[in-house]
Structures are given as C-alpha cells and as structure tokens.
Amino acid sequence: MINVSKKIINWHTLTHKEKITLLKRPNINVDNIIKKSISQIIRNVKKNGDSALHAYSLKFDRVKVNDFYVSQSRINNSDKYVSPSFQKAVLVAKDNIHEFHSKQVYPDLDVQTYPGVRCQHITRPIHSVGLYVPKGSFPLVSTALMLLVPARIAKCSNIVLCSPPPISNEILYIAKILGVDSVLELGGAHAIAALALGTQTIKRVDKIFGPGNIFVTEAKLQVSRRDINLSIDMPAGPSEVLIIADHNSHPAFIASDLLSQAEHDINAQVILVSTSSVVAKQVINEFNHQLQGLSRKKIILSSWQNSKIIITQSLLESFEVSNLYAPEHLILHIDNARNYLSHIHNAGSVFLGKWTPGSAGDYVTGANHVLPTYGHANTFSSLRVSDFQKVITIQKMTKHSLQDLSCSIKELSLSEGMDAHHQSVIIRTNSLKKTNVINE
C-alpha cells in the first residue's frame, strides 16, 4: 500500500528553492562508462560496418540477422499474421492521425514586403529519414504510426523504418499499409549509428526520429554532434504526466491516468496537482485499489517513487506549478477545462476534461504522441509534419526597389563594419545612374 501522508505536499508552504527542488525530474544523467561504450559502438560501426552490426545484434538482441532489410514478401504477408481486430484498430488510428496531420501542411508564402521586393518561402521534404521504433516486451505499434504518418504526408522520398529483431508482424503490417518498403531489422545504439553513418548495405539518412532507452538516446545525441550533416527530432527522457484536479474531479479517473503513465518505465514520473486534499487522498486510495492485478505492477511501484502530490490554494496556482514543470502530458480533470487554455504556457500535449484519458492520445485521437519530455516542453513542440520538412526562403528585388532601399542597406551594413556589403549595393546603384535606367 502507498503511504498517503508521505506524498502530499502543500505548495504554499515551500520556499522558491524548495519548489524548484520538488519539481526536479528523476536523475538520468548518463555516466561516463555508458558514454564511452556508445562512442565505441559508433566508432566500430563506422570502421567495420555490417560486420559490427551483425556482432552487436548477436550480443545485445541474441538474434542472428542474415539480411538487415526485411524482404518485401515478408512485409506483404504480414497481414496474414495479425488479427482482423488489430488491423481494424490500426486503420482507425491511422485515419485519425492522418486527418489531424494533413491539416498541418501549410501553403507556400509569397509576400510583397515593399514595393518591388518579393519574399517567398517554399517547403521541401527532408530527403531521407530514419524512424526508430523501440521494442520492449511488446512492439510499440503506436510509435510506428506516429512517425510514419507525418513522414508520408511530408513526402519524404526515402523513409527507413528501423526496429530491433525479431521485428513483429504488427510493425510490418503498419509499414505495409503506409507503403513503406525499407524496413531494417536492427535495434539499439548500433542501429542509430548505422542510420547516421551508413554501412556497406545500409544507406545513411539525413534525420533520425523516434524514442528509445538510455543507450539509444545517448547514441542519437552523439551522432547528432558529429560533423556528418545529421539531425535528430528532439531531446528525449522518461515519460511523464501532470494532472490538475479540484474538488469536483473524479478520483478513479485520475488514478487510472496516473497508473497508465507510471507503467511506461521505472523512470516515468506522475504528478497530481489539486486544490483539494480530500480528492488527493481519494486518488491514492483508488490508485492502490486499481494497482492490484496489473501486469506491470513492479514498474509502476518503481516509478511511483518519482511521483509528487501537490496541494495548491487555487486552480491558477495549479497552472503556475504546471508551467514551471513543463510536463510532457498535461491532463485537466476540471470542469470547463477549455476555458483555462490561456493559462497554459509550457506543455507537450494537453488533455481536456475527465473523458479524455492520456491513453487515448497515445493511440487514437490523431494528435502525435512523440512529445518533448524532461522539461523540454519549455522550447520544443510535439512531432509535426514540419519536422519532416525544411523551409527555403526566396527573395527578388527590382532595380527601382534596390535603389530605393540602398540608403537603409548602407546604414545598417556600415554600422556592422561590413563595407563589402555596402559596396555590393553601391556598384549596382552607380550602374543605374550611368545607364539612367530606373525601371526593370
């Protein structure tokens, strides 16, 4: 049983320093041994290519993989090995994710900023992307959907789905229905190294997406720092949720949301912020009750050690706590939750009202569940179609507009000591004076 009194903390009794300390995440600093190990893996893959990958697959996954690329026939036949009910659920999720993400494709811009000056931006897909889907006890099919759908909408020409061996038919089925034929049966830090650097049989990609354990995360960070023109989606950390509740909130619903988040990982963090200590105690009782019989009970109890229950004096104070924490998931178990959106400044994804569980967002609402964690919601956003694209700006001036703006360019460029910038304009405007041609 979980001790009630130990977990409940009154926010208004804390000093500013104590508040900051209270909201600290679990310490997941990567020690030097892990960093050196990952660095060695990357160097080995760079030097020895496929032979290193075969050795690591055998060592870490205990699987001998003859061909890292899954055959097209195996992908095509995957639907024979998954249930009709699974296929139906995947199609529902895919359609909802596509519906939401397809609206994120914005038209190109074409603006006249000044008479005779035209500025544009055009979007182009990132050519080659690697989508890493981790595997624990079960395949993370939802992550495959969340990565593949926006990549397809963005029209990336080379999409490589990568997941540890033995890759499941569920993952292959998702690749099939989304028309992805490059599927790598490869996992761990060595998979990230292969995607980033390329090998004899694997072509390198331009950007790597997807979550993973501490080794995958460290590998992504290390390859992104190498001089190889590669980027990654966002910094990653353990999953987390912060729930805001008041005296009208439903304790059983809140407890179920805390449990569903706590079962992700032993380093996951769940926080309840409530204006009612009575509701908080009821939530803990429900938590204890619902916990019994859950298959991931040990993981939940471990992650519960990172949990916090905070009592505030008002809902506005609750939002102050949330913004300071910047949660990956923010669930508002309050009436008229939409009315409080203006008070939210930092959050990965927000769930409004008691009928919107976090698990729905993980799978079927259509919003992306690849979200900034570990406080990165201060500056990062949820995964979007634009993450798979790049924006190119275009400018065009007429002779008249250049002459008209030349004084401003001169003033600004010389203020920065850039006389060659000024000269590039003077040469043109002097040419106009000589030829007495004003209009293009």
Protein backbone atom coordinates (compact mmCIF):
# COMPACT_ATOMS: atom_id res chain seq x y z
CA MET A 1 0.00 0.00 0.00
CA ILE A 2 1.13 3.54 -0.79
CA ASN A 3 1.67 5.86 2.16
CA VAL A 4 -0.74 8.79 1.82
CA SER A 5 0.77 11.40 4.11
CA LYS A 6 4.28 10.93 2.76
CA LYS A 7 3.30 12.00 -0.74
CA ILE A 8 1.07 15.04 -0.15
CA ILE A 9 2.86 18.40 -0.13
CA ASN A 10 1.36 21.88 0.38
CA TRP A 11 2.78 24.14 -2.32
CA HIS A 12 2.24 27.43 -0.50
CA THR A 13 4.39 26.31 2.46
CA LEU A 14 7.50 25.89 0.28
CA THR A 15 10.22 28.41 -0.43
CA HIS A 16 11.09 29.16 -4.06
CA LYS A 17 14.16 26.94 -3.82
CA GLU A 18 12.12 24.10 -2.33
CA LYS A 19 9.57 24.40 -5.15
CA ILE A 20 12.28 24.10 -7.77
CA THR A 21 13.79 21.10 -5.99
CA LEU A 22 10.40 19.42 -5.65
CA LEU A 23 9.78 19.56 -9.39
CA LYS A 24 13.11 18.08 -10.38
CA ARG A 25 12.95 15.04 -12.63
CA PRO A 26 14.46 11.66 -11.77
CA ASN A 27 18.21 11.78 -12.27
CA ILE A 28 19.02 10.06 -15.57
CA ASN A 29 22.44 11.54 -16.18
CA VAL A 30 24.39 9.21 -18.41
CA ASP A 31 27.60 8.15 -16.69
CA ASN A 32 30.95 8.20 -18.46
CA ILE A 33 31.01 4.42 -18.79
CA ILE A 34 27.84 4.44 -20.90
CA LYS A 35 29.03 7.43 -22.92
CA LYS A 36 32.34 5.73 -23.70
CA SER A 37 30.54 2.49 -24.55
CA ILE A 38 28.23 4.24 -27.02
CA SER A 39 31.14 6.14 -28.51
CA GLN A 40 32.97 2.85 -29.04
CA ILE A 41 29.91 1.32 -30.74
CA ILE A 42 29.65 4.27 -33.11
CA ARG A 43 33.37 4.12 -33.97
CA ASN A 44 33.13 0.36 -34.53
CA VAL A 45 30.14 0.70 -36.87
CA LYS A 46 31.92 3.47 -38.78
CA LYS A 47 35.04 1.34 -39.17
CA ASN A 48 33.61 -2.16 -39.67
CA GLY A 49 30.09 -1.52 -40.96
CA ASP A 50 27.88 -4.57 -41.39
CA SER A 51 30.22 -6.95 -39.56
CA ALA A 52 29.96 -4.76 -36.45
CA LEU A 53 26.17 -4.69 -36.75
CA HIS A 54 25.98 -8.49 -37.01
CA ALA A 55 28.15 -8.85 -33.92
CA TYR A 56 26.09 -6.34 -31.90
CA SER A 57 22.77 -7.93 -32.96
CA LEU A 58 24.03 -11.27 -31.71
CA LYS A 59 25.42 -9.75 -28.49
CA PHE A 60 22.55 -7.45 -27.48
CA ASP A 61 19.46 -8.94 -29.16
CA ARG A 62 20.66 -12.57 -29.20
CA VAL A 63 19.45 -12.83 -32.78
CA LYS A 64 21.44 -13.69 -35.87
CA VAL A 65 20.18 -11.48 -38.70
CA ASN A 66 21.32 -12.53 -42.18
CA ASP A 67 19.81 -9.56 -44.01
CA PHE A 68 19.10 -6.34 -42.10
CA TYR A 69 16.45 -5.27 -44.63
CA VAL A 70 13.15 -7.12 -44.26
CA SER A 71 12.08 -8.70 -47.56
CA GLN A 72 9.15 -7.23 -49.45
CA SER A 73 7.33 -10.56 -49.38
CA ARG A 74 7.56 -10.67 -45.59
CA ILE A 75 6.09 -7.16 -45.39
CA ASN A 76 3.35 -8.00 -47.88
CA ASN A 77 2.37 -11.16 -46.00
CA SER A 78 2.30 -9.53 -42.56
CA ASP A 79 -1.49 -9.13 -42.61
CA LYS A 80 -1.83 -12.90 -42.52
CA TYR A 81 -0.25 -12.99 -39.09
CA VAL A 82 -2.16 -10.23 -37.32
CA SER A 83 -5.77 -10.41 -36.21
CA PRO A 84 -8.62 -8.64 -38.04
CA SER A 85 -9.39 -6.70 -34.86
CA PHE A 86 -5.79 -5.43 -34.74
CA GLN A 87 -5.98 -4.41 -38.39
CA LYS A 88 -9.22 -2.54 -37.77
CA ALA A 89 -7.78 -0.69 -34.76
CA VAL A 90 -4.65 0.29 -36.69
CA LEU A 91 -6.71 1.66 -39.57
CA VAL A 92 -8.83 3.75 -37.17
CA ALA A 93 -5.71 5.19 -35.56
CA LYS A 94 -4.01 5.77 -38.92
CA ASP A 95 -7.01 7.62 -40.33
CA ASN A 96 -7.29 9.89 -37.27
CA ILE A 97 -3.57 10.64 -37.23
CA HIS A 98 -3.66 11.39 -40.96
CA GLU A 99 -6.71 13.62 -40.62
CA PHE A 100 -5.04 15.81 -38.00
CA HIS A 101 -1.56 15.88 -39.51
CA SER A 102 -2.75 16.53 -43.06
CA LYS A 103 -4.06 19.90 -41.85
CA GLN A 104 -0.50 20.80 -40.77
CA VAL A 105 0.62 21.15 -44.39
CA TYR A 106 0.72 24.89 -44.92
CA PRO A 107 0.77 26.62 -48.31
CA ASP A 108 3.92 28.29 -49.57
CA LEU A 109 4.24 32.01 -48.76
CA ASP A 110 4.58 34.78 -51.35
CA VAL A 111 4.66 38.30 -49.87
CA GLN A 112 5.49 41.76 -51.21
CA THR A 113 7.28 43.28 -48.24
CA TYR A 114 8.00 46.59 -50.02
CA PRO A 115 7.11 47.91 -53.48
CA GLY A 116 9.27 45.87 -55.83
CA VAL A 117 10.51 43.47 -53.14
CA ARG A 118 9.10 39.95 -53.17
CA CYS A 119 9.84 37.38 -50.43
CA GLN A 120 8.71 33.78 -50.53
CA HIS A 121 9.15 30.58 -48.70
CA ILE A 122 8.74 27.14 -50.17
CA THR A 123 8.70 23.83 -48.28
CA ARG A 124 10.60 20.76 -49.33
CA PRO A 125 10.66 17.34 -47.65
CA ILE A 126 13.77 16.09 -45.95
CA HIS A 127 15.03 13.54 -48.43
CA SER A 128 15.96 10.62 -46.19
CA VAL A 129 14.63 9.93 -42.69
CA GLY A 130 15.21 7.09 -40.25
CA LEU A 131 12.32 6.22 -37.94
CA TYR A 132 13.37 4.23 -34.89
CA VAL A 133 10.67 2.18 -33.16
CA PRO A 134 11.88 0.61 -29.88
CA LYS A 135 10.74 -2.75 -28.63
CA GLY A 136 10.37 -3.88 -25.06
CA SER A 137 8.14 -6.76 -24.09
CA PHE A 138 5.77 -5.76 -26.88
CA PRO A 139 6.16 -3.90 -30.20
CA LEU A 140 5.40 -0.17 -29.96
CA VAL A 141 2.97 -0.12 -32.85
CA SER A 142 1.62 3.31 -31.89
CA THR A 143 5.08 4.86 -32.26
CA ALA A 144 5.39 3.38 -35.75
CA LEU A 145 2.11 5.07 -36.70
CA MET A 146 3.04 8.39 -35.11
CA LEU A 147 6.31 8.51 -37.05
CA LEU A 148 5.26 7.05 -40.38
CA VAL A 149 2.07 9.03 -41.00
CA PRO A 150 3.60 12.55 -40.86
CA ALA A 151 6.68 11.34 -42.79
CA ARG A 152 4.41 10.13 -45.58
CA ILE A 153 2.37 13.33 -45.55
CA ALA A 154 5.59 15.36 -45.81
CA LYS A 155 6.50 13.23 -48.88
CA CYS A 156 9.98 12.24 -47.71
CA SER A 157 11.36 10.25 -50.63
CA ASN A 158 13.33 7.74 -48.56
CA ILE A 159 11.70 6.53 -45.34
CA VAL A 160 13.52 3.84 -43.37
CA LEU A 161 11.66 2.16 -40.51
CA CYS A 162 14.04 0.59 -38.00
CA SER A 163 13.17 -1.73 -35.10
CA PRO A 164 15.01 -4.41 -33.08
CA PRO A 165 14.93 -8.06 -34.16
CA PRO A 166 12.93 -10.16 -34.35
CA ILE A 167 10.69 -7.49 -35.84
CA SER A 168 7.00 -8.12 -35.23
CA ASN A 169 4.32 -8.69 -37.85
CA GLU A 170 2.37 -5.85 -36.25
CA ILE A 171 5.13 -3.39 -37.14
CA LEU A 172 5.44 -4.88 -40.63
CA TYR A 173 1.69 -4.55 -41.14
CA ILE A 174 1.87 -0.85 -40.34
CA ALA A 175 4.74 -0.49 -42.81
CA LYS A 176 2.64 -2.27 -45.41
CA ILE A 177 -0.49 -0.13 -45.10
CA LEU A 178 1.61 3.04 -45.20
CA GLY A 179 3.57 1.94 -48.25
CA VAL A 180 7.00 1.78 -46.62
CA ASP A 181 9.24 -0.90 -48.08
CA SER A 182 12.55 -0.05 -46.38
CA VAL A 183 12.36 -1.79 -43.01
CA LEU A 184 15.51 -2.50 -41.04
CA GLU A 185 15.60 -5.32 -38.50
CA LEU A 186 18.09 -3.61 -36.26
CA GLY A 187 17.99 -2.12 -32.77
CA GLY A 188 19.93 -0.28 -30.11
CA ALA A 189 22.78 2.19 -30.32
CA HIS A 190 24.32 0.31 -33.25
CA ALA A 191 21.12 0.83 -35.25
CA ILE A 192 21.34 4.58 -34.66
CA ALA A 193 25.00 4.50 -35.73
CA ALA A 194 24.07 2.63 -38.91
CA LEU A 195 21.32 5.11 -39.78
CA ALA A 196 23.64 8.04 -39.15
CA LEU A 197 26.82 6.78 -40.79
CA GLY A 198 25.71 4.14 -43.28
CA THR A 199 27.38 0.77 -43.90
CA GLN A 200 28.12 -1.46 -46.87
CA THR A 201 24.41 -2.31 -47.20
CA ILE A 202 22.65 0.46 -45.29
CA LYS A 203 22.39 3.97 -46.67
CA ARG A 204 22.74 6.82 -44.19
CA VAL A 205 19.78 9.13 -43.51
CA ASP A 206 19.56 12.89 -43.02
CA LYS A 207 17.47 12.91 -39.84
CA ILE A 208 16.65 10.35 -37.16
CA PHE A 209 13.33 10.23 -35.31
CA GLY A 210 11.94 8.12 -32.51
CA PRO A 211 12.28 7.33 -28.79
CA GLY A 212 14.42 4.69 -27.14
CA ASN A 213 16.19 3.64 -23.98
CA ILE A 214 19.15 5.44 -22.43
CA PHE A 215 21.56 3.83 -24.93
CA VAL A 216 19.52 4.81 -27.99
CA THR A 217 19.05 8.32 -26.65
CA GLU A 218 22.76 8.74 -25.97
CA ALA A 219 23.60 7.37 -29.43
CA LYS A 220 21.24 9.89 -31.04
CA LEU A 221 22.88 12.74 -29.15
CA GLN A 222 26.38 11.60 -30.04
CA VAL A 223 25.77 11.12 -33.77
CA SER A 224 23.99 14.49 -33.96
CA ARG A 225 27.17 16.16 -32.71
CA ARG A 226 29.38 14.58 -35.36
CA ASP A 227 30.29 16.52 -38.48
CA ILE A 228 28.06 14.46 -40.78
CA ASN A 229 25.14 16.82 -41.52
CA LEU A 230 22.68 14.79 -39.49
CA SER A 231 19.95 15.98 -37.15
CA ILE A 232 17.58 14.34 -34.66
CA ASP A 233 13.97 15.05 -33.73
CA MET A 234 14.20 16.24 -30.12
CA PRO A 235 15.88 15.51 -26.78
CA ALA A 236 14.23 12.60 -25.02
CA GLY A 237 13.72 11.49 -21.45
CA PRO A 238 11.36 9.27 -19.41
CA SER A 239 7.63 9.72 -19.97
CA GLU A 240 5.68 11.96 -17.59
CA VAL A 241 2.24 13.37 -16.78
CA LEU A 242 0.95 16.20 -14.63
CA ILE A 243 -2.74 16.21 -13.70
CA ILE A 244 -4.64 19.25 -12.44
CA ALA A 245 -7.70 18.49 -10.32
CA ASP A 246 -10.14 20.21 -8.00
CA HIS A 247 -12.86 19.22 -5.55
CA ASN A 248 -15.21 18.16 -8.39
CA SER A 249 -12.74 15.79 -10.03
CA HIS A 250 -13.32 12.05 -10.35
CA PRO A 251 -10.71 10.20 -8.19
CA ALA A 252 -10.99 6.87 -10.05
CA PHE A 253 -10.40 8.53 -13.42
CA ILE A 254 -7.39 10.43 -12.10
CA ALA A 255 -5.88 7.30 -10.57
CA SER A 256 -6.27 5.41 -13.84
CA ASP A 257 -4.41 8.17 -15.71
CA LEU A 258 -1.59 8.15 -13.16
CA LEU A 259 -1.29 4.37 -13.43
CA SER A 260 -1.30 4.34 -17.23
CA GLN A 261 1.58 6.80 -17.28
CA ALA A 262 3.51 5.14 -14.46
CA GLU A 263 3.57 1.78 -16.26
CA HIS A 264 5.74 3.14 -19.11
CA ASP A 265 9.08 2.93 -17.36
CA ILE A 266 10.67 2.79 -13.92
CA ASN A 267 11.92 6.34 -14.50
CA ALA A 268 8.50 7.70 -15.52
CA GLN A 269 7.11 10.49 -13.36
CA VAL A 270 3.50 11.23 -12.42
CA ILE A 271 2.39 14.38 -10.62
CA LEU A 272 -1.02 15.29 -9.24
CA VAL A 273 -1.69 18.97 -8.54
CA SER A 274 -5.00 19.51 -6.76
CA THR A 275 -6.83 22.24 -4.91
CA SER A 276 -8.43 19.55 -2.73
CA SER A 277 -6.51 17.39 -0.24
CA VAL A 278 -9.64 15.25 0.15
CA VAL A 279 -9.63 14.38 -3.58
CA ALA A 280 -5.88 13.74 -3.43
CA LYS A 281 -6.31 11.15 -0.67
CA GLN A 282 -9.19 9.55 -2.57
CA VAL A 283 -6.99 9.33 -5.66
CA ILE A 284 -4.30 7.47 -3.69
CA ASN A 285 -6.89 5.02 -2.35
CA GLU A 286 -8.10 4.43 -5.92
CA PHE A 287 -4.51 4.09 -7.09
CA ASN A 288 -3.90 1.33 -4.54
CA HIS A 289 -7.12 -0.42 -5.49
CA GLN A 290 -6.60 -0.30 -9.28
CA LEU A 291 -2.93 -1.27 -8.98
CA GLN A 292 -3.78 -4.76 -7.81
CA GLY A 293 -3.60 -7.29 -10.62
CA LEU A 294 -1.91 -5.03 -13.18
CA SER A 295 0.76 -6.86 -15.17
CA ARG A 296 3.32 -4.03 -14.84
CA LYS A 297 2.83 -3.55 -11.11
CA LYS A 298 6.56 -3.66 -10.32
CA ILE A 299 7.34 -0.97 -12.88
CA ILE A 300 4.51 1.19 -11.55
CA LEU A 301 5.70 0.90 -7.96
CA SER A 302 9.23 1.83 -9.01
CA SER A 303 8.13 4.87 -11.00
CA TRP A 304 5.78 5.87 -8.16
CA GLN A 305 8.91 6.68 -6.14
CA ASN A 306 9.32 9.66 -8.51
CA SER A 307 5.73 10.83 -8.03
CA LYS A 308 4.50 14.02 -6.37
CA ILE A 309 1.12 15.07 -5.00
CA ILE A 310 0.91 18.81 -4.57
CA ILE A 311 -1.89 20.75 -2.93
CA THR A 312 -2.48 24.31 -4.14
CA GLN A 313 -4.75 27.09 -2.97
CA SER A 314 -6.33 27.77 -6.38
CA LEU A 315 -6.51 26.49 -9.94
CA LEU A 316 -4.42 29.44 -11.11
CA GLU A 317 -1.70 28.39 -8.68
CA SER A 318 -2.01 24.86 -10.07
CA PHE A 319 -1.27 26.18 -13.55
CA GLU A 320 1.75 28.04 -12.17
CA VAL A 321 3.08 24.70 -10.91
CA SER A 322 2.39 23.06 -14.27
CA ASN A 323 4.10 25.79 -16.28
CA LEU A 324 7.13 25.62 -14.01
CA TYR A 325 7.33 21.85 -14.50
CA ALA A 326 6.56 21.93 -18.29
CA PRO A 327 5.05 18.42 -18.49
CA GLU A 328 5.07 16.11 -21.47
CA HIS A 329 1.39 15.30 -20.84
CA LEU A 330 -0.97 17.70 -19.04
CA ILE A 331 -4.43 16.38 -18.15
CA LEU A 332 -7.05 18.83 -16.87
CA HIS A 333 -9.54 16.93 -14.70
CA ILE A 334 -11.59 20.07 -14.16
CA ASP A 335 -14.90 21.41 -15.43
CA ASN A 336 -14.82 23.80 -18.41
CA ALA A 337 -11.19 22.85 -18.99
CA ARG A 338 -11.05 24.63 -22.36
CA ASN A 339 -11.57 27.95 -20.60
CA TYR A 340 -8.14 27.56 -18.97
CA LEU A 341 -6.08 27.16 -22.16
CA SER A 342 -4.83 30.73 -21.90
CA HIS A 343 -3.12 29.80 -18.62
CA ILE A 344 -1.04 27.04 -20.24
CA HIS A 345 2.42 28.16 -21.39
CA ASN A 346 4.54 25.01 -21.24
CA ALA A 347 3.24 21.54 -22.10
CA GLY A 348 3.80 18.87 -24.72
CA SER A 349 0.18 17.79 -25.16
CA VAL A 350 -2.94 18.78 -23.23
CA PHE A 351 -5.97 16.59 -22.48
CA LEU A 352 -9.18 18.44 -21.66
CA GLY A 353 -11.71 17.06 -19.22
CA LYS A 354 -12.37 13.76 -17.49
CA TRP A 355 -13.41 11.98 -20.70
CA THR A 356 -10.03 12.45 -22.39
CA PRO A 357 -7.58 9.93 -20.94
CA GLY A 358 -3.91 10.17 -21.78
CA SER A 359 -4.03 6.68 -23.27
CA ALA A 360 -6.43 7.93 -25.97
CA GLY A 361 -3.79 10.41 -27.08
CA ASP A 362 -1.20 7.63 -27.13
CA TYR A 363 -3.19 5.75 -29.75
CA VAL A 364 -6.25 7.11 -31.49
CA THR A 365 -7.17 10.79 -31.11
CA GLY A 366 -4.94 11.78 -34.03
CA ALA A 367 -2.59 14.12 -32.18
CA ASN A 368 1.03 12.97 -32.14
CA HIS A 369 2.34 11.24 -29.03
CA VAL A 370 6.03 11.90 -29.76
CA LEU A 371 6.44 14.75 -27.28
CA PRO A 372 9.13 16.77 -25.51
CA THR A 373 9.98 15.37 -22.09
CA TYR A 374 12.23 16.22 -19.16
CA GLY A 375 11.24 19.91 -19.20
CA HIS A 376 11.95 20.41 -22.91
CA ALA A 377 8.31 21.46 -23.41
CA ASN A 378 9.64 24.92 -22.49
CA THR A 379 11.06 25.20 -26.01
CA PHE A 380 10.10 22.10 -28.02
CA SER A 381 6.78 21.04 -29.58
CA SER A 382 5.09 17.75 -30.31
CA LEU A 383 6.18 16.00 -33.51
CA ARG A 384 4.64 17.62 -36.58
CA VAL A 385 4.73 17.31 -40.35
CA SER A 386 7.04 20.34 -40.44
CA ASP A 387 9.68 18.29 -38.58
CA PHE A 388 9.99 16.22 -41.75
CA GLN A 389 10.34 19.30 -43.94
CA LYS A 390 12.66 22.23 -44.46
CA VAL A 391 11.72 25.77 -45.48
CA ILE A 392 13.63 27.59 -48.20
CA THR A 393 13.29 31.38 -48.43
CA ILE A 394 13.41 33.28 -51.74
CA GLN A 395 13.91 37.00 -52.41
CA LYS A 396 13.60 39.11 -55.56
CA MET A 397 14.16 42.87 -55.97
CA THR A 398 13.68 45.23 -58.87
CA LYS A 399 16.22 47.85 -59.86
CA HIS A 400 13.94 50.54 -58.50
CA SER A 401 13.42 48.85 -55.12
CA LEU A 402 17.17 48.28 -54.69
CA GLN A 403 17.87 51.92 -55.39
CA ASP A 404 15.07 52.96 -53.03
CA LEU A 405 16.40 50.81 -50.17
CA SER A 406 20.11 51.34 -50.78
CA CYS A 407 20.45 54.02 -48.08
CA SER A 408 18.99 51.69 -45.45
CA ILE A 409 21.32 48.87 -46.52
CA LYS A 410 24.28 51.28 -46.38
CA GLU A 411 23.39 52.49 -42.89
CA LEU A 412 22.90 49.01 -41.44
CA SER A 413 25.85 47.31 -43.15
CA LEU A 414 28.35 50.05 -42.22
CA SER A 415 27.08 50.04 -38.62
CA GLU A 416 28.30 46.43 -38.52
CA GLY A 417 31.60 47.22 -40.24
CA MET A 418 30.59 45.32 -43.38
CA ASP A 419 31.83 47.66 -46.11
CA ALA A 420 31.84 44.89 -48.74
CA HIS A 421 28.10 44.53 -48.15
CA HIS A 422 27.70 48.24 -48.79
CA GLN A 423 29.92 48.03 -51.86
CA SER A 424 27.77 45.27 -53.41
CA VAL A 425 24.86 47.72 -53.39
CA ILE A 426 26.82 50.84 -54.47
CA ILE A 427 28.21 49.07 -57.53
CA ARG A 428 24.67 48.34 -58.68
CA THR A 429 23.16 51.74 -57.91
CA ASN A 430 26.12 53.50 -59.61
CA SER A 431 25.48 51.33 -62.64
CA LEU A 432 21.88 52.51 -62.66
CA LYS A 433 22.98 56.16 -62.58
CA LYS A 434 25.34 55.67 -65.51
CA THR A 435 22.75 53.96 -67.68
CA ASN A 436 19.91 56.13 -66.35
CA VAL A 437 17.72 53.08 -66.19
CA ILE A 438 15.34 53.09 -63.27
CA ASN A 439 12.67 50.57 -64.12
CA GLU A 440 13.42 46.96 -64.81
